[in-house]
Amino acid sequence: MKNKSILMPHSCQKIGWCFLILFVIVELAKALFVHDINVAWYFAKASHICFIISIFLICLSKEKVEDEMISGLRLKAIGIAAYAFFVLFLIMSLFLELRLGTLFPSFPEDLELYLSEAFLIFLPLLLFVLYYGLFKWMLWKSKKQ
């Protein structure tokens, strides 16, 4: 029985890199030209969507040559990224639930709100970025040998 891949074609990876470039352009335009908070909010939402789509397409696309060695490296990278994700998830959960920030006198009150936002938005994206970085590093290391 042939094992079907759930990965997207390699061309989707190129589209993902285009979305990442679009994300950078939107962020630069927001920083340089947008001075109204309402307009900046829309630019931020558009750039976040571009970033999420780009990370999704880049990480879940096949390489030009997809063989068993690359599949094994993908499995190792996703395993390490999952361990790191759960450790960060546990640390941030404990920090937010136990309100450990109140132990420090110089801890800003708003920081807990920002941490909870980071918890919901950036931690899942970090999983994909960490996975892709680990996968490319392992691939580079294996080609070097």
N, C-alpha and C. Protein backbone atom coordinates (compact mmCIF):
# COMPACT_ATOMS: atom_id res chain seq x y z
N MET A 1 0.84 -1.18 0.00
CA MET A 1 0.00 0.00 0.00
C MET A 1 0.89 1.24 0.00
N LYS A 2 0.61 2.14 -0.92
CA LYS A 2 1.40 3.35 -1.03
C LYS A 2 0.93 4.37 0.00
N ASN A 3 1.90 4.97 0.67
CA ASN A 3 1.62 5.95 1.71
C ASN A 3 1.43 7.32 1.06
N LYS A 4 0.23 7.89 1.16
CA LYS A 4 -0.04 9.20 0.55
C LYS A 4 0.46 10.31 1.45
N SER A 5 1.03 11.32 0.84
CA SER A 5 1.55 12.46 1.59
C SER A 5 0.45 13.50 1.76
N ILE A 6 0.43 14.12 2.90
CA ILE A 6 -0.55 15.19 3.14
C ILE A 6 0.07 16.56 2.87
N LEU A 7 1.33 16.56 2.42
CA LEU A 7 2.00 17.83 2.14
C LEU A 7 1.52 18.41 0.81
N MET A 8 1.60 19.73 0.72
CA MET A 8 1.22 20.43 -0.51
C MET A 8 2.37 20.36 -1.51
N PRO A 9 2.10 20.64 -2.77
CA PRO A 9 3.18 20.63 -3.77
C PRO A 9 4.24 21.69 -3.47
N HIS A 10 5.41 21.52 -4.05
CA HIS A 10 6.53 22.44 -3.82
C HIS A 10 6.20 23.86 -4.28
N SER A 11 5.35 24.01 -5.26
CA SER A 11 5.00 25.36 -5.76
C SER A 11 4.30 26.19 -4.68
N CYS A 12 3.63 25.54 -3.75
CA CYS A 12 2.97 26.28 -2.65
C CYS A 12 4.00 26.93 -1.74
N GLN A 13 5.19 26.35 -1.66
CA GLN A 13 6.24 26.95 -0.85
C GLN A 13 6.67 28.29 -1.44
N LYS A 14 6.74 28.37 -2.76
CA LYS A 14 7.09 29.63 -3.42
C LYS A 14 6.00 30.68 -3.19
N ILE A 15 4.76 30.26 -3.22
CA ILE A 15 3.64 31.18 -2.94
C ILE A 15 3.73 31.67 -1.50
N GLY A 16 4.10 30.78 -0.58
CA GLY A 16 4.26 31.15 0.81
C GLY A 16 5.35 32.19 1.01
N TRP A 17 6.46 32.05 0.29
CA TRP A 17 7.52 33.06 0.38
C TRP A 17 7.04 34.40 -0.18
N CYS A 18 6.20 34.39 -1.20
CA CYS A 18 5.62 35.64 -1.72
C CYS A 18 4.73 36.30 -0.67
N PHE A 19 3.93 35.50 0.03
CA PHE A 19 3.10 36.04 1.10
C PHE A 19 3.96 36.61 2.24
N LEU A 20 5.10 35.98 2.51
CA LEU A 20 5.99 36.49 3.55
C LEU A 20 6.58 37.85 3.15
N ILE A 21 6.92 37.99 1.88
CA ILE A 21 7.41 39.28 1.37
C ILE A 21 6.29 40.31 1.45
N LEU A 22 5.07 39.92 1.13
CA LEU A 22 3.93 40.83 1.26
C LEU A 22 3.73 41.25 2.71
N PHE A 23 3.91 40.32 3.65
CA PHE A 23 3.83 40.64 5.07
C PHE A 23 4.84 41.72 5.45
N VAL A 24 6.08 41.58 4.98
CA VAL A 24 7.11 42.57 5.30
C VAL A 24 6.76 43.91 4.70
N ILE A 25 6.25 43.94 3.47
CA ILE A 25 5.87 45.19 2.80
C ILE A 25 4.74 45.87 3.56
N VAL A 26 3.73 45.10 3.97
CA VAL A 26 2.60 45.69 4.71
C VAL A 26 3.07 46.24 6.06
N GLU A 27 3.96 45.53 6.73
CA GLU A 27 4.48 46.01 8.01
C GLU A 27 5.29 47.28 7.84
N LEU A 28 6.11 47.34 6.79
CA LEU A 28 6.88 48.55 6.52
C LEU A 28 5.97 49.72 6.18
N ALA A 29 4.95 49.47 5.37
CA ALA A 29 4.00 50.54 5.01
C ALA A 29 3.27 51.03 6.25
N LYS A 30 2.91 50.12 7.11
CA LYS A 30 2.22 50.51 8.36
C LYS A 30 3.13 51.38 9.22
N ALA A 31 4.39 50.98 9.33
CA ALA A 31 5.32 51.72 10.19
C ALA A 31 5.66 53.10 9.62
N LEU A 32 5.74 53.19 8.30
CA LEU A 32 6.18 54.44 7.69
C LEU A 32 5.05 55.43 7.39
N PHE A 33 3.90 54.92 6.98
CA PHE A 33 2.88 55.81 6.43
C PHE A 33 1.59 55.92 7.23
N VAL A 34 1.34 54.99 8.13
CA VAL A 34 0.05 54.97 8.83
C VAL A 34 0.19 55.64 10.20
N HIS A 35 -0.63 56.68 10.40
CA HIS A 35 -0.58 57.40 11.67
C HIS A 35 -1.92 57.35 12.40
N ASP A 36 -2.94 56.83 11.77
CA ASP A 36 -4.26 56.69 12.39
C ASP A 36 -4.36 55.30 13.01
N ILE A 37 -4.78 55.23 14.25
CA ILE A 37 -4.83 53.96 14.98
C ILE A 37 -5.82 52.98 14.35
N ASN A 38 -6.94 53.47 13.81
CA ASN A 38 -7.92 52.58 13.18
C ASN A 38 -7.37 51.96 11.91
N VAL A 39 -6.69 52.76 11.12
CA VAL A 39 -6.09 52.25 9.88
C VAL A 39 -4.96 51.28 10.22
N ALA A 40 -4.19 51.59 11.24
CA ALA A 40 -3.10 50.71 11.67
C ALA A 40 -3.63 49.36 12.11
N TRP A 41 -4.82 49.35 12.75
CA TRP A 41 -5.41 48.08 13.18
C TRP A 41 -5.73 47.20 11.97
N TYR A 42 -6.29 47.81 10.91
CA TYR A 42 -6.60 47.03 9.70
C TYR A 42 -5.32 46.53 9.03
N PHE A 43 -4.29 47.37 9.00
CA PHE A 43 -3.02 46.94 8.43
C PHE A 43 -2.43 45.79 9.25
N ALA A 44 -2.55 45.87 10.57
CA ALA A 44 -2.03 44.81 11.43
C ALA A 44 -2.76 43.49 11.18
N LYS A 45 -4.08 43.56 11.04
CA LYS A 45 -4.84 42.33 10.77
C LYS A 45 -4.47 41.73 9.42
N ALA A 46 -4.32 42.59 8.41
CA ALA A 46 -3.94 42.11 7.07
C ALA A 46 -2.54 41.48 7.10
N SER A 47 -1.63 42.11 7.81
CA SER A 47 -0.27 41.56 7.86
C SER A 47 -0.23 40.25 8.65
N HIS A 48 -1.03 40.14 9.72
CA HIS A 48 -1.07 38.88 10.47
C HIS A 48 -1.62 37.74 9.61
N ILE A 49 -2.64 38.04 8.82
CA ILE A 49 -3.20 37.01 7.94
C ILE A 49 -2.16 36.59 6.90
N CYS A 50 -1.43 37.56 6.31
CA CYS A 50 -0.38 37.24 5.35
C CYS A 50 0.70 36.36 6.00
N PHE A 51 1.06 36.69 7.24
CA PHE A 51 2.09 35.92 7.93
C PHE A 51 1.63 34.50 8.22
N ILE A 52 0.41 34.34 8.67
CA ILE A 52 -0.12 33.01 8.98
C ILE A 52 -0.20 32.16 7.72
N ILE A 53 -0.70 32.74 6.64
CA ILE A 53 -0.79 31.99 5.38
C ILE A 53 0.60 31.61 4.89
N SER A 54 1.56 32.55 4.98
CA SER A 54 2.90 32.26 4.49
C SER A 54 3.57 31.15 5.29
N ILE A 55 3.46 31.20 6.62
CA ILE A 55 4.06 30.16 7.45
C ILE A 55 3.42 28.80 7.15
N PHE A 56 2.11 28.80 6.99
CA PHE A 56 1.39 27.55 6.69
C PHE A 56 1.87 26.96 5.36
N LEU A 57 1.95 27.80 4.33
CA LEU A 57 2.35 27.30 3.01
C LEU A 57 3.82 26.88 2.97
N ILE A 58 4.67 27.63 3.64
CA ILE A 58 6.10 27.31 3.63
C ILE A 58 6.37 26.00 4.38
N CYS A 59 5.78 25.86 5.55
CA CYS A 59 6.07 24.70 6.39
C CYS A 59 5.45 23.40 5.88
N LEU A 60 4.31 23.48 5.26
CA LEU A 60 3.59 22.27 4.88
C LEU A 60 3.66 21.95 3.39
N SER A 61 4.72 22.42 2.75
CA SER A 61 4.94 22.10 1.34
C SER A 61 6.11 21.14 1.20
N LYS A 62 6.05 20.34 0.15
CA LYS A 62 7.12 19.38 -0.12
C LYS A 62 8.38 20.11 -0.56
N GLU A 63 9.50 19.43 -0.38
CA GLU A 63 10.77 19.90 -0.94
C GLU A 63 10.80 19.47 -2.41
N LYS A 64 11.77 19.97 -3.17
CA LYS A 64 11.86 19.57 -4.57
C LYS A 64 12.01 18.06 -4.68
N VAL A 65 12.88 17.50 -3.86
CA VAL A 65 13.06 16.05 -3.81
C VAL A 65 12.61 15.61 -2.42
N GLU A 66 11.54 14.88 -2.38
CA GLU A 66 10.97 14.42 -1.10
C GLU A 66 11.17 12.91 -1.00
N ASP A 67 12.17 12.48 -0.23
CA ASP A 67 12.45 11.05 -0.08
C ASP A 67 12.29 10.63 1.38
N GLU A 68 12.68 9.39 1.69
CA GLU A 68 12.48 8.86 3.04
C GLU A 68 13.36 9.56 4.06
N MET A 69 14.57 10.00 3.65
CA MET A 69 15.44 10.70 4.58
C MET A 69 14.80 12.03 4.99
N ILE A 70 14.25 12.74 4.04
CA ILE A 70 13.61 14.02 4.32
C ILE A 70 12.37 13.80 5.19
N SER A 71 11.64 12.73 4.95
CA SER A 71 10.48 12.42 5.78
C SER A 71 10.91 12.14 7.22
N GLY A 72 12.03 11.45 7.39
CA GLY A 72 12.55 11.19 8.73
C GLY A 72 12.98 12.48 9.43
N LEU A 73 13.61 13.38 8.67
CA LEU A 73 14.02 14.67 9.24
C LEU A 73 12.80 15.50 9.63
N ARG A 74 11.76 15.44 8.79
CA ARG A 74 10.51 16.15 9.14
C ARG A 74 9.94 15.62 10.45
N LEU A 75 9.95 14.32 10.61
CA LEU A 75 9.41 13.71 11.82
C LEU A 75 10.22 14.11 13.06
N LYS A 76 11.55 14.10 12.94
CA LYS A 76 12.39 14.53 14.06
C LYS A 76 12.14 16.00 14.39
N ALA A 77 12.07 16.85 13.37
CA ALA A 77 11.89 18.30 13.58
C ALA A 77 10.54 18.58 14.24
N ILE A 78 9.49 17.90 13.81
CA ILE A 78 8.18 18.15 14.41
C ILE A 78 8.15 17.63 15.84
N GLY A 79 8.87 16.55 16.12
CA GLY A 79 8.94 16.04 17.48
C GLY A 79 9.65 17.00 18.42
N ILE A 80 10.79 17.52 18.01
CA ILE A 80 11.54 18.48 18.84
C ILE A 80 10.73 19.76 19.01
N ALA A 81 10.11 20.24 17.93
CA ALA A 81 9.30 21.46 18.01
C ALA A 81 8.11 21.25 18.95
N ALA A 82 7.53 20.07 18.92
CA ALA A 82 6.39 19.79 19.81
C ALA A 82 6.83 19.79 21.27
N TYR A 83 7.98 19.20 21.57
CA TYR A 83 8.50 19.23 22.95
C TYR A 83 8.73 20.67 23.39
N ALA A 84 9.40 21.46 22.56
CA ALA A 84 9.68 22.86 22.91
C ALA A 84 8.38 23.64 23.08
N PHE A 85 7.41 23.38 22.21
CA PHE A 85 6.12 24.06 22.30
C PHE A 85 5.43 23.76 23.62
N PHE A 86 5.41 22.50 24.02
CA PHE A 86 4.73 22.13 25.26
C PHE A 86 5.45 22.66 26.50
N VAL A 87 6.78 22.74 26.46
CA VAL A 87 7.51 23.33 27.57
C VAL A 87 7.18 24.81 27.68
N LEU A 88 7.22 25.55 26.56
CA LEU A 88 6.86 26.97 26.58
C LEU A 88 5.40 27.16 26.99
N PHE A 89 4.54 26.30 26.51
CA PHE A 89 3.12 26.36 26.86
C PHE A 89 2.94 26.19 28.37
N LEU A 90 3.64 25.23 28.95
CA LEU A 90 3.55 24.99 30.39
C LEU A 90 4.09 26.17 31.18
N ILE A 91 5.24 26.71 30.78
CA ILE A 91 5.83 27.84 31.49
C ILE A 91 4.91 29.06 31.43
N MET A 92 4.40 29.37 30.23
CA MET A 92 3.52 30.54 30.10
C MET A 92 2.20 30.32 30.83
N SER A 93 1.68 29.10 30.82
CA SER A 93 0.43 28.81 31.54
C SER A 93 0.61 29.02 33.04
N LEU A 94 1.70 28.48 33.57
CA LEU A 94 1.96 28.65 34.99
C LEU A 94 2.18 30.12 35.34
N PHE A 95 2.90 30.83 34.50
CA PHE A 95 3.17 32.24 34.75
C PHE A 95 1.88 33.05 34.78
N LEU A 96 0.97 32.75 33.84
CA LEU A 96 -0.29 33.49 33.78
C LEU A 96 -1.29 33.04 34.85
N GLU A 97 -1.39 31.74 35.08
CA GLU A 97 -2.37 31.24 36.04
C GLU A 97 -2.00 31.55 37.49
N LEU A 98 -0.72 31.43 37.80
CA LEU A 98 -0.29 31.67 39.18
C LEU A 98 0.06 33.14 39.43
N ARG A 99 -0.06 33.94 38.38
CA ARG A 99 0.24 35.38 38.48
C ARG A 99 1.61 35.61 39.10
N LEU A 100 2.59 34.96 38.52
CA LEU A 100 3.95 35.06 39.04
C LEU A 100 4.55 36.45 38.83
N GLY A 101 3.97 37.21 37.92
CA GLY A 101 4.46 38.56 37.68
C GLY A 101 4.28 39.47 38.87
N THR A 102 3.31 39.16 39.71
CA THR A 102 3.08 40.02 40.88
C THR A 102 4.16 39.86 41.94
N LEU A 103 5.00 38.84 41.82
CA LEU A 103 6.10 38.65 42.76
C LEU A 103 7.21 39.69 42.56
N PHE A 104 7.26 40.28 41.36
CA PHE A 104 8.29 41.26 41.05
C PHE A 104 7.70 42.66 41.19
N PRO A 105 8.32 43.54 41.99
CA PRO A 105 7.74 44.87 42.22
C PRO A 105 7.74 45.76 40.98
N SER A 106 8.68 45.55 40.08
CA SER A 106 8.75 46.41 38.89
C SER A 106 7.97 45.83 37.71
N PHE A 107 7.15 44.84 37.94
CA PHE A 107 6.39 44.17 36.88
C PHE A 107 5.22 45.06 36.45
N PRO A 108 5.19 45.48 35.17
CA PRO A 108 4.07 46.33 34.72
C PRO A 108 2.74 45.56 34.73
N GLU A 109 1.67 46.25 35.06
CA GLU A 109 0.36 45.59 35.15
C GLU A 109 -0.14 45.12 33.78
N ASP A 110 0.17 45.89 32.75
CA ASP A 110 -0.30 45.55 31.40
C ASP A 110 0.45 44.38 30.79
N LEU A 111 1.58 44.01 31.36
CA LEU A 111 2.38 42.95 30.76
C LEU A 111 1.65 41.62 30.77
N GLU A 112 0.82 41.37 31.76
CA GLU A 112 0.05 40.14 31.82
C GLU A 112 -0.92 40.05 30.64
N LEU A 113 -1.51 41.17 30.27
CA LEU A 113 -2.40 41.21 29.11
C LEU A 113 -1.64 40.90 27.84
N TYR A 114 -0.45 41.48 27.69
CA TYR A 114 0.36 41.22 26.51
C TYR A 114 0.83 39.77 26.46
N LEU A 115 1.15 39.21 27.62
CA LEU A 115 1.57 37.81 27.66
C LEU A 115 0.42 36.88 27.27
N SER A 116 -0.79 37.20 27.69
CA SER A 116 -1.92 36.35 27.31
C SER A 116 -2.18 36.45 25.81
N GLU A 117 -1.97 37.63 25.23
CA GLU A 117 -2.12 37.77 23.77
C GLU A 117 -1.03 36.99 23.05
N ALA A 118 0.18 37.07 23.55
CA ALA A 118 1.28 36.30 22.96
C ALA A 118 1.01 34.81 23.09
N PHE A 119 0.41 34.44 24.20
CA PHE A 119 0.07 33.05 24.45
C PHE A 119 -0.88 32.52 23.37
N LEU A 120 -1.85 33.34 23.00
CA LEU A 120 -2.86 32.91 22.03
C LEU A 120 -2.43 33.05 20.58
N ILE A 121 -1.62 34.04 20.28
CA ILE A 121 -1.28 34.33 18.89
C ILE A 121 0.10 33.80 18.51
N PHE A 122 1.11 34.17 19.28
CA PHE A 122 2.47 33.93 18.84
C PHE A 122 2.98 32.54 19.16
N LEU A 123 2.51 31.93 20.21
CA LEU A 123 3.00 30.60 20.56
C LEU A 123 2.65 29.55 19.50
N PRO A 124 1.42 29.51 18.98
CA PRO A 124 1.16 28.55 17.90
C PRO A 124 1.97 28.83 16.63
N LEU A 125 2.19 30.10 16.32
CA LEU A 125 3.01 30.43 15.15
C LEU A 125 4.46 30.05 15.38
N LEU A 126 4.90 30.17 16.62
CA LEU A 126 6.26 29.79 16.96
C LEU A 126 6.49 28.31 16.70
N LEU A 127 5.48 27.50 16.91
CA LEU A 127 5.60 26.07 16.63
C LEU A 127 5.98 25.83 15.18
N PHE A 128 5.31 26.51 14.25
CA PHE A 128 5.62 26.34 12.84
C PHE A 128 7.00 26.89 12.49
N VAL A 129 7.34 28.05 13.03
CA VAL A 129 8.64 28.65 12.73
C VAL A 129 9.77 27.79 13.29
N LEU A 130 9.59 27.29 14.50
CA LEU A 130 10.59 26.42 15.11
C LEU A 130 10.73 25.12 14.32
N TYR A 131 9.61 24.55 13.92
CA TYR A 131 9.65 23.32 13.13
C TYR A 131 10.41 23.54 11.82
N TYR A 132 10.10 24.62 11.12
CA TYR A 132 10.74 24.86 9.83
C TYR A 132 12.23 25.14 10.00
N GLY A 133 12.58 25.92 11.02
CA GLY A 133 14.00 26.19 11.27
C GLY A 133 14.77 24.92 11.60
N LEU A 134 14.20 24.09 12.46
CA LEU A 134 14.85 22.82 12.80
C LEU A 134 14.96 21.90 11.58
N PHE A 135 13.91 21.83 10.79
CA PHE A 135 13.92 20.97 9.61
C PHE A 135 14.99 21.41 8.62
N LYS A 136 15.06 22.72 8.35
CA LYS A 136 16.06 23.21 7.39
C LYS A 136 17.48 23.03 7.94
N TRP A 137 17.65 23.23 9.27
CA TRP A 137 18.97 23.04 9.86
C TRP A 137 19.39 21.57 9.76
N MET A 138 18.47 20.64 10.06
CA MET A 138 18.78 19.22 9.96
C MET A 138 19.08 18.82 8.52
N LEU A 139 18.33 19.38 7.58
CA LEU A 139 18.54 19.09 6.17
C LEU A 139 19.91 19.61 5.72
N TRP A 140 20.26 20.82 6.13
CA TRP A 140 21.55 21.39 5.79
C TRP A 140 22.69 20.57 6.40
N LYS A 141 22.49 20.16 7.66
CA LYS A 141 23.51 19.36 8.35
C LYS A 141 23.69 18.00 7.67
N SER A 142 22.61 17.39 7.22
CA SER A 142 22.71 16.08 6.58
C SER A 142 23.35 16.18 5.19
N LYS A 143 23.11 17.27 4.49
CA LYS A 143 23.75 17.45 3.17
C LYS A 143 25.22 17.78 3.30
N LYS A 144 25.59 18.41 4.43
CA LYS A 144 26.97 18.77 4.66
C LYS A 144 27.83 17.54 4.90
N GLN A 145 27.25 16.49 5.49
CA GLN A 145 28.00 15.27 5.81
C GLN A 145 28.21 14.40 4.63
